[in-house]
């Protein structure tokens, strides 16, 4: 048996990632009965190396877990992954070809409408490009489930009542909600994601706030970290940009000056309704 420092050296995986895989259920090390430290076996090291291999092949965590638990054969898992990679390769190939066909060297010289129309024609013929709206909705959804709140029907004045209201919220929204610790700051899980809850009081009544315990681990499946960061930034910036837009419109003197605002206003409106829609549904989406 070995401790995590030795496992880090043997696998080349950081302890933060090892802990993450443990929370995801991909690894279940034993415990030292004297001090409760995690102890890792040779089998655990092999399991981590398997995780590292398939994650480098960009296999989704839920698919990888099924493979490691024997719910999916290696042949099936690899076939599914090949299909995902082939679709991604097709999308990237379309984007690469399109990049090659853009001949202008200055942004201002581009006929953006012409290129967009060409892209739409290629999409209708079966070529794939990035689905920005779909990605934005996924990011909006991920933000809503990192931190959400609701108003309970009871004041949650003791641990049992607090837990009852959490369970009621879970039942009302068809969530797989499991209480892991009863207290006035109860811990619970939704689909294996760990949360902590607390209550606040105002003139409007009691509000229960629920926060993901490890938000740094949560990212929409299949999305690159770079794209996620960009779309997440957009999801936070839409309100200040909208306020700036509302401040600027009354000061525009020439009608032609409004033309550049139309696409921006449309994007902001879509952003607002997307976040409102996802907030109203919380996990139901």
C-alpha atoms as a PDB file:
ATOM      1  CA  UNK A   1       0.000   0.000   0.000  1.00  0.00           C
ATOM      2  CA  UNK A   2       1.200   3.540  -0.704  1.00  0.00           C
ATOM      3  CA  UNK A   3       0.268   7.146   0.010  1.00  0.00           C
ATOM      4  CA  UNK A   4      -0.787   9.756  -2.522  1.00  0.00           C
ATOM      5  CA  UNK A   5       2.668  11.330  -2.907  1.00  0.00           C
ATOM      6  CA  UNK A   6       4.068   8.062  -4.245  1.00  0.00           C
ATOM      7  CA  UNK A   7       1.027   7.571  -6.475  1.00  0.00           C
ATOM      8  CA  UNK A   8       1.614  11.022  -7.991  1.00  0.00           C
ATOM      9  CA  UNK A   9       5.157   9.984  -8.988  1.00  0.00           C
ATOM     10  CA  UNK A  10       4.084   6.620 -10.406  1.00  0.00           C
ATOM     11  CA  UNK A  11       1.207   7.957 -12.496  1.00  0.00           C
ATOM     12  CA  UNK A  12       2.202  11.540 -13.326  1.00  0.00           C
ATOM     13  CA  UNK A  13      -1.239  12.650 -12.113  1.00  0.00           C
ATOM     14  CA  UNK A  14      -1.470  15.515  -9.613  1.00  0.00           C
ATOM     15  CA  UNK A  15      -3.089  14.915  -6.245  1.00  0.00           C
ATOM     16  CA  UNK A  16      -5.801  17.448  -7.170  1.00  0.00           C
ATOM     17  CA  UNK A  17      -6.756  15.319 -10.165  1.00  0.00           C
ATOM     18  CA  UNK A  18      -6.548  12.144  -8.115  1.00  0.00           C
ATOM     19  CA  UNK A  19      -8.947  13.649  -5.558  1.00  0.00           C
ATOM     20  CA  UNK A  20     -11.207  14.736  -8.399  1.00  0.00           C
ATOM     21  CA  UNK A  21     -11.342  11.189  -9.818  1.00  0.00           C
ATOM     22  CA  UNK A  22     -12.139   9.906  -6.335  1.00  0.00           C
ATOM     23  CA  UNK A  23     -15.059  12.332  -6.005  1.00  0.00           C
ATOM     24  CA  UNK A  24     -16.303  11.184  -9.403  1.00  0.00           C
ATOM     25  CA  UNK A  25     -16.241   7.574  -8.230  1.00  0.00           C
ATOM     26  CA  UNK A  26     -13.520   6.437 -10.637  1.00  0.00           C
ATOM     27  CA  UNK A  27     -11.236   5.469  -7.773  1.00  0.00           C
ATOM     28  CA  UNK A  28     -12.005   4.142  -4.291  1.00  0.00           C
ATOM     29  CA  UNK A  29      -8.820   3.829  -2.208  1.00  0.00           C
ATOM     30  CA  UNK A  30      -8.706   2.231   1.214  1.00  0.00           C
ATOM     31  CA  UNK A  31      -8.068   3.976   4.526  1.00  0.00           C
ATOM     32  CA  UNK A  32      -5.380   3.639   7.168  1.00  0.00           C
ATOM     33  CA  UNK A  33      -7.228   2.574  10.324  1.00  0.00           C
ATOM     34  CA  UNK A  34      -4.808   4.546  12.536  1.00  0.00           C
ATOM     35  CA  UNK A  35      -5.013   7.979  10.924  1.00  0.00           C
ATOM     36  CA  UNK A  36      -7.687   7.664   8.177  1.00  0.00           C
ATOM     37  CA  UNK A  37      -5.143   8.563   5.464  1.00  0.00           C
ATOM     38  CA  UNK A  38      -5.952   7.204   2.021  1.00  0.00           C
ATOM     39  CA  UNK A  39      -3.928   4.160   1.041  1.00  0.00           C
ATOM     40  CA  UNK A  40      -3.514   3.181  -2.589  1.00  0.00           C
ATOM     41  CA  UNK A  41      -2.894  -0.284  -3.975  1.00  0.00           C
ATOM     42  CA  UNK A  42      -1.177  -1.430  -7.165  1.00  0.00           C
ATOM     43  CA  UNK A  43      -4.651  -1.885  -8.614  1.00  0.00           C
ATOM     44  CA  UNK A  44      -5.475   1.751  -7.800  1.00  0.00           C
ATOM     45  CA  UNK A  45      -2.314   2.848  -9.620  1.00  0.00           C
ATOM     46  CA  UNK A  46      -3.294   0.783 -12.660  1.00  0.00           C
ATOM     47  CA  UNK A  47      -6.800   2.262 -12.526  1.00  0.00           C
ATOM     48  CA  UNK A  48      -5.369   5.784 -12.520  1.00  0.00           C
ATOM     49  CA  UNK A  49      -3.157   4.974 -15.484  1.00  0.00           C
ATOM     50  CA  UNK A  50      -6.222   3.663 -17.336  1.00  0.00           C
ATOM     51  CA  UNK A  51      -8.065   6.884 -16.497  1.00  0.00           C
ATOM     52  CA  UNK A  52      -5.113   8.928 -17.736  1.00  0.00           C
ATOM     53  CA  UNK A  53      -4.938   6.977 -20.999  1.00  0.00           C
ATOM     54  CA  UNK A  54      -8.613   7.297 -21.872  1.00  0.00           C
ATOM     55  CA  UNK A  55      -8.887  10.913 -20.736  1.00  0.00           C
ATOM     56  CA  UNK A  56      -6.001  11.708 -23.101  1.00  0.00           C
ATOM     57  CA  UNK A  57      -8.230  10.181 -25.785  1.00  0.00           C
ATOM     58  CA  UNK A  58     -10.890  12.698 -24.638  1.00  0.00           C
ATOM     59  CA  UNK A  59     -13.302  10.001 -23.446  1.00  0.00           C
ATOM     60  CA  UNK A  60     -16.124  11.553 -21.343  1.00  0.00           C
ATOM     61  CA  UNK A  61     -16.019  10.771 -17.630  1.00  0.00           C
ATOM     62  CA  UNK A  62     -19.423   9.074 -17.529  1.00  0.00           C
ATOM     63  CA  UNK A  63     -18.434   6.775 -20.396  1.00  0.00           C
ATOM     64  CA  UNK A  64     -15.091   6.066 -18.745  1.00  0.00           C
ATOM     65  CA  UNK A  65     -16.803   5.182 -15.486  1.00  0.00           C
ATOM     66  CA  UNK A  66     -19.047   2.667 -17.257  1.00  0.00           C
ATOM     67  CA  UNK A  67     -15.973   1.133 -18.871  1.00  0.00           C
ATOM     68  CA  UNK A  68     -14.084   0.835 -15.584  1.00  0.00           C
ATOM     69  CA  UNK A  69     -17.124  -0.622 -13.796  1.00  0.00           C
ATOM     70  CA  UNK A  70     -17.620  -3.247 -16.499  1.00  0.00           C
ATOM     71  CA  UNK A  71     -20.961  -1.806 -17.632  1.00  0.00           C
ATOM     72  CA  UNK A  72     -19.442  -1.149 -21.048  1.00  0.00           C
ATOM     73  CA  UNK A  73     -16.946  -3.303 -22.919  1.00  0.00           C
ATOM     74  CA  UNK A  74     -13.673  -1.875 -24.208  1.00  0.00           C
ATOM     75  CA  UNK A  75     -14.848  -2.526 -27.763  1.00  0.00           C
ATOM     76  CA  UNK A  76     -18.093  -0.578 -27.213  1.00  0.00           C
ATOM     77  CA  UNK A  77     -16.372   2.295 -25.410  1.00  0.00           C
ATOM     78  CA  UNK A  78     -13.769   2.666 -28.166  1.00  0.00           C
ATOM     79  CA  UNK A  79     -16.436   2.522 -30.871  1.00  0.00           C
ATOM     80  CA  UNK A  80     -18.427   5.272 -29.160  1.00  0.00           C
ATOM     81  CA  UNK A  81     -15.290   7.369 -28.771  1.00  0.00           C
ATOM     82  CA  UNK A  82     -14.315   6.912 -32.405  1.00  0.00           C
ATOM     83  CA  UNK A  83     -17.767   8.106 -33.434  1.00  0.00           C
ATOM     84  CA  UNK A  84     -17.452  11.209 -31.225  1.00  0.00           C
ATOM     85  CA  UNK A  85     -13.963  11.973 -32.524  1.00  0.00           C
ATOM     86  CA  UNK A  86     -15.040  11.473 -36.141  1.00  0.00           C
ATOM     87  CA  UNK A  87     -17.875  13.976 -35.678  1.00  0.00           C
ATOM     88  CA  UNK A  88     -15.463  16.419 -34.068  1.00  0.00           C
ATOM     89  CA  UNK A  89     -12.970  15.828 -36.870  1.00  0.00           C
ATOM     90  CA  UNK A  90     -15.705  16.554 -39.420  1.00  0.00           C
ATOM     91  CA  UNK A  91     -16.617  19.802 -37.645  1.00  0.00           C
ATOM     92  CA  UNK A  92     -12.980  20.878 -37.355  1.00  0.00           C
ATOM     93  CA  UNK A  93     -12.346  19.948 -40.984  1.00  0.00           C
ATOM     94  CA  UNK A  94     -15.211  22.177 -42.107  1.00  0.00           C
ATOM     95  CA  UNK A  95     -13.902  25.062 -39.997  1.00  0.00           C
ATOM     96  CA  UNK A  96     -10.331  24.526 -41.273  1.00  0.00           C
ATOM     97  CA  UNK A  97     -11.443  24.531 -44.922  1.00  0.00           C
ATOM     98  CA  UNK A  98     -13.486  27.647 -44.340  1.00  0.00           C
ATOM     99  CA  UNK A  99     -10.509  29.413 -42.741  1.00  0.00           C
ATOM    100  CA  UNK A 100      -8.419  28.622 -45.804  1.00  0.00           C
ATOM    101  CA  UNK A 101     -11.074  30.177 -48.053  1.00  0.00           C
ATOM    102  CA  UNK A 102     -10.999  33.540 -46.277  1.00  0.00           C
ATOM    103  CA  UNK A 103      -8.623  35.533 -48.482  1.00  0.00           C
ATOM    104  CA  UNK A 104      -8.805  38.971 -46.888  1.00  0.00           C
ATOM    105  CA  UNK A 105      -5.959  40.084 -44.658  1.00  0.00           C
ATOM    106  CA  UNK A 106      -7.761  42.975 -42.930  1.00  0.00           C
ATOM    107  CA  UNK A 107     -10.860  42.464 -40.791  1.00  0.00           C
ATOM    108  CA  UNK A 108     -12.499  45.582 -42.214  1.00  0.00           C
ATOM    109  CA  UNK A 109     -12.207  44.174 -45.762  1.00  0.00           C
ATOM    110  CA  UNK A 110     -14.282  41.083 -44.996  1.00  0.00           C
ATOM    111  CA  UNK A 111     -17.804  40.731 -46.345  1.00  0.00           C
ATOM    112  CA  UNK A 112     -19.105  39.066 -43.193  1.00  0.00           C
ATOM    113  CA  UNK A 113     -22.639  38.601 -44.570  1.00  0.00           C
ATOM    114  CA  UNK A 114     -21.321  36.756 -47.598  1.00  0.00           C
ATOM    115  CA  UNK A 115     -19.229  34.412 -45.472  1.00  0.00           C
ATOM    116  CA  UNK A 116     -22.128  33.733 -43.088  1.00  0.00           C
ATOM    117  CA  UNK A 117     -24.448  32.970 -45.999  1.00  0.00           C
ATOM    118  CA  UNK A 118     -21.838  30.643 -47.453  1.00  0.00           C
ATOM    119  CA  UNK A 119     -21.488  28.921 -44.094  1.00  0.00           C
ATOM    120  CA  UNK A 120     -25.254  28.489 -43.829  1.00  0.00           C
ATOM    121  CA  UNK A 121     -25.353  26.925 -47.294  1.00  0.00           C
ATOM    122  CA  UNK A 122     -22.622  24.483 -46.317  1.00  0.00           C
ATOM    123  CA  UNK A 123     -24.466  23.616 -43.084  1.00  0.00           C
ATOM    124  CA  UNK A 124     -27.616  22.853 -45.085  1.00  0.00           C
ATOM    125  CA  UNK A 125     -25.574  20.508 -47.261  1.00  0.00           C
ATOM    126  CA  UNK A 126     -24.441  18.581 -44.177  1.00  0.00           C
ATOM    127  CA  UNK A 127     -21.216  20.258 -43.069  1.00  0.00           C
ATOM    128  CA  UNK A 128     -20.818  20.975 -39.363  1.00  0.00           C
ATOM    129  CA  UNK A 129     -19.627  24.135 -37.667  1.00  0.00           C
ATOM    130  CA  UNK A 130     -19.562  25.101 -33.988  1.00  0.00           C
ATOM    131  CA  UNK A 131     -23.042  25.505 -32.468  1.00  0.00           C
ATOM    132  CA  UNK A 132     -22.535  28.699 -30.459  1.00  0.00           C
ATOM    133  CA  UNK A 133     -26.095  28.909 -29.138  1.00  0.00           C
ATOM    134  CA  UNK A 134     -26.055  25.314 -27.907  1.00  0.00           C
ATOM    135  CA  UNK A 135     -22.724  25.856 -26.139  1.00  0.00           C
ATOM    136  CA  UNK A 136     -23.974  29.070 -24.548  1.00  0.00           C
ATOM    137  CA  UNK A 137     -27.053  27.329 -23.174  1.00  0.00           C
ATOM    138  CA  UNK A 138     -24.880  24.562 -21.736  1.00  0.00           C
ATOM    139  CA  UNK A 139     -22.670  27.126 -19.998  1.00  0.00           C
ATOM    140  CA  UNK A 140     -25.711  29.042 -18.730  1.00  0.00           C
ATOM    141  CA  UNK A 141     -27.100  25.809 -17.349  1.00  0.00           C
ATOM    142  CA  UNK A 142     -23.810  24.941 -15.657  1.00  0.00           C
ATOM    143  CA  UNK A 143     -23.775  28.345 -13.932  1.00  0.00           C
ATOM    144  CA  UNK A 144     -27.328  27.887 -12.663  1.00  0.00           C
ATOM    145  CA  UNK A 145     -26.557  24.545 -11.063  1.00  0.00           C
ATOM    146  CA  UNK A 146     -23.347  25.781  -9.429  1.00  0.00           C
ATOM    147  CA  UNK A 147     -25.352  28.104  -7.203  1.00  0.00           C
ATOM    148  CA  UNK A 148     -29.144  28.162  -6.954  1.00  0.00           C
ATOM    149  CA  UNK A 149     -31.763  29.154  -4.399  1.00  0.00           C
ATOM    150  CA  UNK A 150     -35.447  28.718  -3.579  1.00  0.00           C
ATOM    151  CA  UNK A 151     -38.016  29.895  -1.040  1.00  0.00           C
ATOM    152  CA  UNK A 152     -39.147  27.016   1.215  1.00  0.00           C
ATOM    153  CA  UNK A 153     -42.684  26.516   2.513  1.00  0.00           C
ATOM    154  CA  UNK A 154     -41.413  26.216   6.112  1.00  0.00           C
ATOM    155  CA  UNK A 155     -38.905  28.420   7.991  1.00  0.00           C
ATOM    156  CA  UNK A 156     -36.221  25.653   8.202  1.00  0.00           C
ATOM    157  CA  UNK A 157     -35.729  26.505  11.874  1.00  0.00           C
ATOM    158  CA  UNK A 158     -34.163  23.147  12.756  1.00  0.00           C
ATOM    159  CA  UNK A 159     -32.085  20.528  10.870  1.00  0.00           C
ATOM    160  CA  UNK A 160     -34.981  18.127  10.278  1.00  0.00           C
ATOM    161  CA  UNK A 161     -37.226  20.828   8.841  1.00  0.00           C
ATOM    162  CA  UNK A 162     -34.359  22.113   6.691  1.00  0.00           C
ATOM    163  CA  UNK A 163     -33.749  18.647   5.263  1.00  0.00           C
ATOM    164  CA  UNK A 164     -37.470  18.101   4.659  1.00  0.00           C
ATOM    165  CA  UNK A 165     -37.652  21.286   2.585  1.00  0.00           C
ATOM    166  CA  UNK A 166     -34.595  20.272   0.556  1.00  0.00           C
ATOM    167  CA  UNK A 167     -36.151  16.885  -0.136  1.00  0.00           C
ATOM    168  CA  UNK A 168     -39.435  18.533  -1.092  1.00  0.00           C
ATOM    169  CA  UNK A 169     -37.607  20.806  -3.518  1.00  0.00           C
ATOM    170  CA  UNK A 170     -35.893  17.750  -5.010  1.00  0.00           C
ATOM    171  CA  UNK A 171     -39.195  15.872  -5.386  1.00  0.00           C
ATOM    172  CA  UNK A 172     -40.974  18.885  -6.886  1.00  0.00           C
ATOM    173  CA  UNK A 173     -38.240  19.253  -9.521  1.00  0.00           C
ATOM    174  CA  UNK A 174     -37.682  15.523 -10.172  1.00  0.00           C
ATOM    175  CA  UNK A 175     -34.109  15.659  -8.881  1.00  0.00           C
ATOM    176  CA  UNK A 176     -32.019  12.750  -7.659  1.00  0.00           C
ATOM    177  CA  UNK A 177     -31.333  14.574  -4.370  1.00  0.00           C
ATOM    178  CA  UNK A 178     -29.700  12.616  -1.525  1.00  0.00           C
ATOM    179  CA  UNK A 179     -29.002  14.090   1.920  1.00  0.00           C
ATOM    180  CA  UNK A 180     -25.489  13.239   3.149  1.00  0.00           C
ATOM    181  CA  UNK A 181     -25.440  15.251   6.395  1.00  0.00           C
ATOM    182  CA  UNK A 182     -28.240  16.792   8.443  1.00  0.00           C
ATOM    183  CA  UNK A 183     -27.516  20.150  10.099  1.00  0.00           C
ATOM    184  CA  UNK A 184     -28.379  23.820   9.763  1.00  0.00           C
ATOM    185  CA  UNK A 185     -25.847  23.770   6.911  1.00  0.00           C
ATOM    186  CA  UNK A 186     -26.875  20.449   5.400  1.00  0.00           C
ATOM    187  CA  UNK A 187     -24.841  18.614   2.789  1.00  0.00           C
ATOM    188  CA  UNK A 188     -26.505  16.806  -0.090  1.00  0.00           C
ATOM    189  CA  UNK A 189     -25.866  15.468  -3.571  1.00  0.00           C
ATOM    190  CA  UNK A 190     -27.721  15.804  -6.872  1.00  0.00           C
ATOM    191  CA  UNK A 191     -26.726  13.182  -9.436  1.00  0.00           C
ATOM    192  CA  UNK A 192     -23.487  12.663  -7.494  1.00  0.00           C
ATOM    193  CA  UNK A 193     -22.623  16.390  -7.364  1.00  0.00           C
ATOM    194  CA  UNK A 194     -21.979  17.569  -3.785  1.00  0.00           C
ATOM    195  CA  UNK A 195     -23.691  20.678  -2.398  1.00  0.00           C
ATOM    196  CA  UNK A 196     -23.939  22.637   0.838  1.00  0.00           C
ATOM    197  CA  UNK A 197     -27.042  24.645   1.771  1.00  0.00           C
ATOM    198  CA  UNK A 198     -27.667  27.561   4.103  1.00  0.00           C
ATOM    199  CA  UNK A 199     -30.613  29.844   4.822  1.00  0.00           C
ATOM    200  CA  UNK A 200     -31.035  33.612   4.901  1.00  0.00           C
ATOM    201  CA  UNK A 201     -33.885  35.748   6.138  1.00  0.00           C
ATOM    202  CA  UNK A 202     -35.246  39.001   4.707  1.00  0.00           C
ATOM    203  CA  UNK A 203     -38.493  40.926   4.671  1.00  0.00           C
ATOM    204  CA  UNK A 204     -39.586  38.693   1.795  1.00  0.00           C
ATOM    205  CA  UNK A 205     -39.152  35.538   3.893  1.00  0.00           C
ATOM    206  CA  UNK A 206     -36.698  32.656   4.172  1.00  0.00           C
ATOM    207  CA  UNK A 207     -34.464  31.767   1.232  1.00  0.00           C
ATOM    208  CA  UNK A 208     -32.448  28.556   0.962  1.00  0.00           C
ATOM    209  CA  UNK A 209     -29.168  28.920  -0.941  1.00  0.00           C
ATOM    210  CA  UNK A 210     -27.445  25.863  -2.405  1.00  0.00           C
ATOM    211  CA  UNK A 211     -23.814  25.936  -3.531  1.00  0.00           C
ATOM    212  CA  UNK A 212     -21.735  23.303  -5.284  1.00  0.00           C
ATOM    213  CA  UNK A 213     -18.887  22.178  -3.004  1.00  0.00           C
ATOM    214  CA  UNK A 214     -16.390  21.764  -5.852  1.00  0.00           C
ATOM    215  CA  UNK A 215     -17.482  24.131  -8.655  1.00  0.00           C
ATOM    216  CA  UNK A 216     -13.975  24.053 -10.117  1.00  0.00           C
ATOM    217  CA  UNK A 217     -14.578  20.434 -11.113  1.00  0.00           C
ATOM    218  CA  UNK A 218     -17.770  21.058 -13.043  1.00  0.00           C
ATOM    219  CA  UNK A 219     -17.639  21.816 -16.748  1.00  0.00           C
ATOM    220  CA  UNK A 220     -20.117  20.910 -19.526  1.00  0.00           C
ATOM    221  CA  UNK A 221     -19.181  17.528 -20.920  1.00  0.00           C
ATOM    222  CA  UNK A 222     -17.261  17.547 -24.174  1.00  0.00           C
ATOM    223  CA  UNK A 223     -16.457  21.279 -24.045  1.00  0.00           C
ATOM    224  CA  UNK A 224     -12.878  22.492 -24.024  1.00  0.00           C
ATOM    225  CA  UNK A 225     -11.716  24.512 -21.037  1.00  0.00           C
ATOM    226  CA  UNK A 226     -10.860  27.498 -23.253  1.00  0.00           C
ATOM    227  CA  UNK A 227     -14.294  27.685 -24.854  1.00  0.00           C
ATOM    228  CA  UNK A 228     -15.979  27.213 -21.488  1.00  0.00           C
ATOM    229  CA  UNK A 229     -14.074  30.152 -19.987  1.00  0.00           C
ATOM    230  CA  UNK A 230     -14.984  32.436 -22.898  1.00  0.00           C
ATOM    231  CA  UNK A 231     -18.686  31.565 -22.833  1.00  0.00           C
ATOM    232  CA  UNK A 232     -18.781  31.782 -19.062  1.00  0.00           C
ATOM    233  CA  UNK A 233     -17.325  35.296 -19.279  1.00  0.00           C
ATOM    234  CA  UNK A 234     -20.039  36.237 -21.781  1.00  0.00           C
ATOM    235  CA  UNK A 235     -22.719  34.870 -19.464  1.00  0.00           C
ATOM    236  CA  UNK A 236     -21.534  37.258 -16.727  1.00  0.00           C
ATOM    237  CA  UNK A 237     -20.992  40.298 -18.961  1.00  0.00           C
ATOM    238  CA  UNK A 238     -24.380  40.480 -20.653  1.00  0.00           C
ATOM    239  CA  UNK A 239     -26.010  42.585 -17.899  1.00  0.00           C
ATOM    240  CA  UNK A 240     -23.377  45.375 -17.664  1.00  0.00           C
ATOM    241  CA  UNK A 241     -23.190  45.538 -21.471  1.00  0.00           C
ATOM    242  CA  UNK A 242     -26.973  45.770 -21.657  1.00  0.00           C
ATOM    243  CA  UNK A 243     -26.969  48.638 -19.145  1.00  0.00           C
ATOM    244  CA  UNK A 244     -24.281  50.428 -21.157  1.00  0.00           C
ATOM    245  CA  UNK A 245     -26.371  49.939 -24.288  1.00  0.00           C
ATOM    246  CA  UNK A 246     -29.469  51.391 -22.625  1.00  0.00           C
ATOM    247  CA  UNK A 247     -27.376  54.356 -21.487  1.00  0.00           C
ATOM    248  CA  UNK A 248     -25.974  54.923 -24.980  1.00  0.00           C
ATOM    249  CA  UNK A 249     -29.165  54.672 -27.063  1.00  0.00           C
ATOM    250  CA  UNK A 250     -30.766  57.974 -25.921  1.00  0.00           C
ATOM    251  CA  UNK A 251     -27.569  59.789 -26.879  1.00  0.00           C
ATOM    252  CA  UNK A 252     -27.469  58.596 -30.474  1.00  0.00           C
ATOM    253  CA  UNK A 253     -28.304  61.476 -32.800  1.00  0.00           C
ATOM    254  CA  UNK A 254     -28.137  59.857 -36.228  1.00  0.00           C
ATOM    255  CA  UNK A 255     -30.414  56.859 -37.116  1.00  0.00           C
ATOM    256  CA  UNK A 256     -27.576  55.216 -39.018  1.00  0.00           C
ATOM    257  CA  UNK A 257     -25.617  55.033 -35.763  1.00  0.00           C
ATOM    258  CA  UNK A 258     -28.165  52.528 -34.457  1.00  0.00           C
ATOM    259  CA  UNK A 259     -27.344  49.896 -37.073  1.00  0.00           C
ATOM    260  CA  UNK A 260     -24.331  48.561 -35.199  1.00  0.00           C
ATOM    261  CA  UNK A 261     -26.479  48.175 -32.084  1.00  0.00           C
ATOM    262  CA  UNK A 262     -29.060  45.849 -33.629  1.00  0.00           C
ATOM    263  CA  UNK A 263     -26.926  42.641 -33.594  1.00  0.00           C
ATOM    264  CA  UNK A 264     -25.667  43.464 -30.105  1.00  0.00           C
ATOM    265  CA  UNK A 265     -29.198  44.034 -28.818  1.00  0.00           C
ATOM    266  CA  UNK A 266     -30.340  40.737 -30.343  1.00  0.00           C
ATOM    267  CA  UNK A 267     -27.441  38.875 -28.688  1.00  0.00           C
ATOM    268  CA  UNK A 268     -28.128  40.450 -25.320  1.00  0.00           C
ATOM    269  CA  UNK A 269     -31.845  39.671 -25.538  1.00  0.00           C
ATOM    270  CA  UNK A 270     -31.065  36.046 -26.391  1.00  0.00           C
ATOM    271  CA  UNK A 271     -28.609  35.939 -23.493  1.00  0.00           C
ATOM    272  CA  UNK A 272     -31.173  37.345 -21.074  1.00  0.00           C
ATOM    273  CA  UNK A 273     -33.950  34.959 -22.046  1.00  0.00           C
ATOM    274  CA  UNK A 274     -31.560  32.012 -22.044  1.00  0.00           C
ATOM    275  CA  UNK A 275     -30.428  32.731 -18.485  1.00  0.00           C
ATOM    276  CA  UNK A 276     -33.994  33.455 -17.350  1.00  0.00           C
ATOM    277  CA  UNK A 277     -35.189  30.222 -18.943  1.00  0.00           C
ATOM    278  CA  UNK A 278     -32.430  28.162 -17.360  1.00  0.00           C
ATOM    279  CA  UNK A 279     -32.872  29.853 -13.963  1.00  0.00           C
ATOM    280  CA  UNK A 280     -36.583  29.088 -13.950  1.00  0.00           C
ATOM    281  CA  UNK A 281     -35.957  25.447 -14.703  1.00  0.00           C
ATOM    282  CA  UNK A 282     -32.793  24.971 -12.627  1.00  0.00           C
ATOM    283  CA  UNK A 283     -31.977  21.288 -13.059  1.00  0.00           C
ATOM    284  CA  UNK A 284     -35.000  20.372 -15.108  1.00  0.00           C
ATOM    285  CA  UNK A 285     -33.252  21.348 -18.370  1.00  0.00           C
END
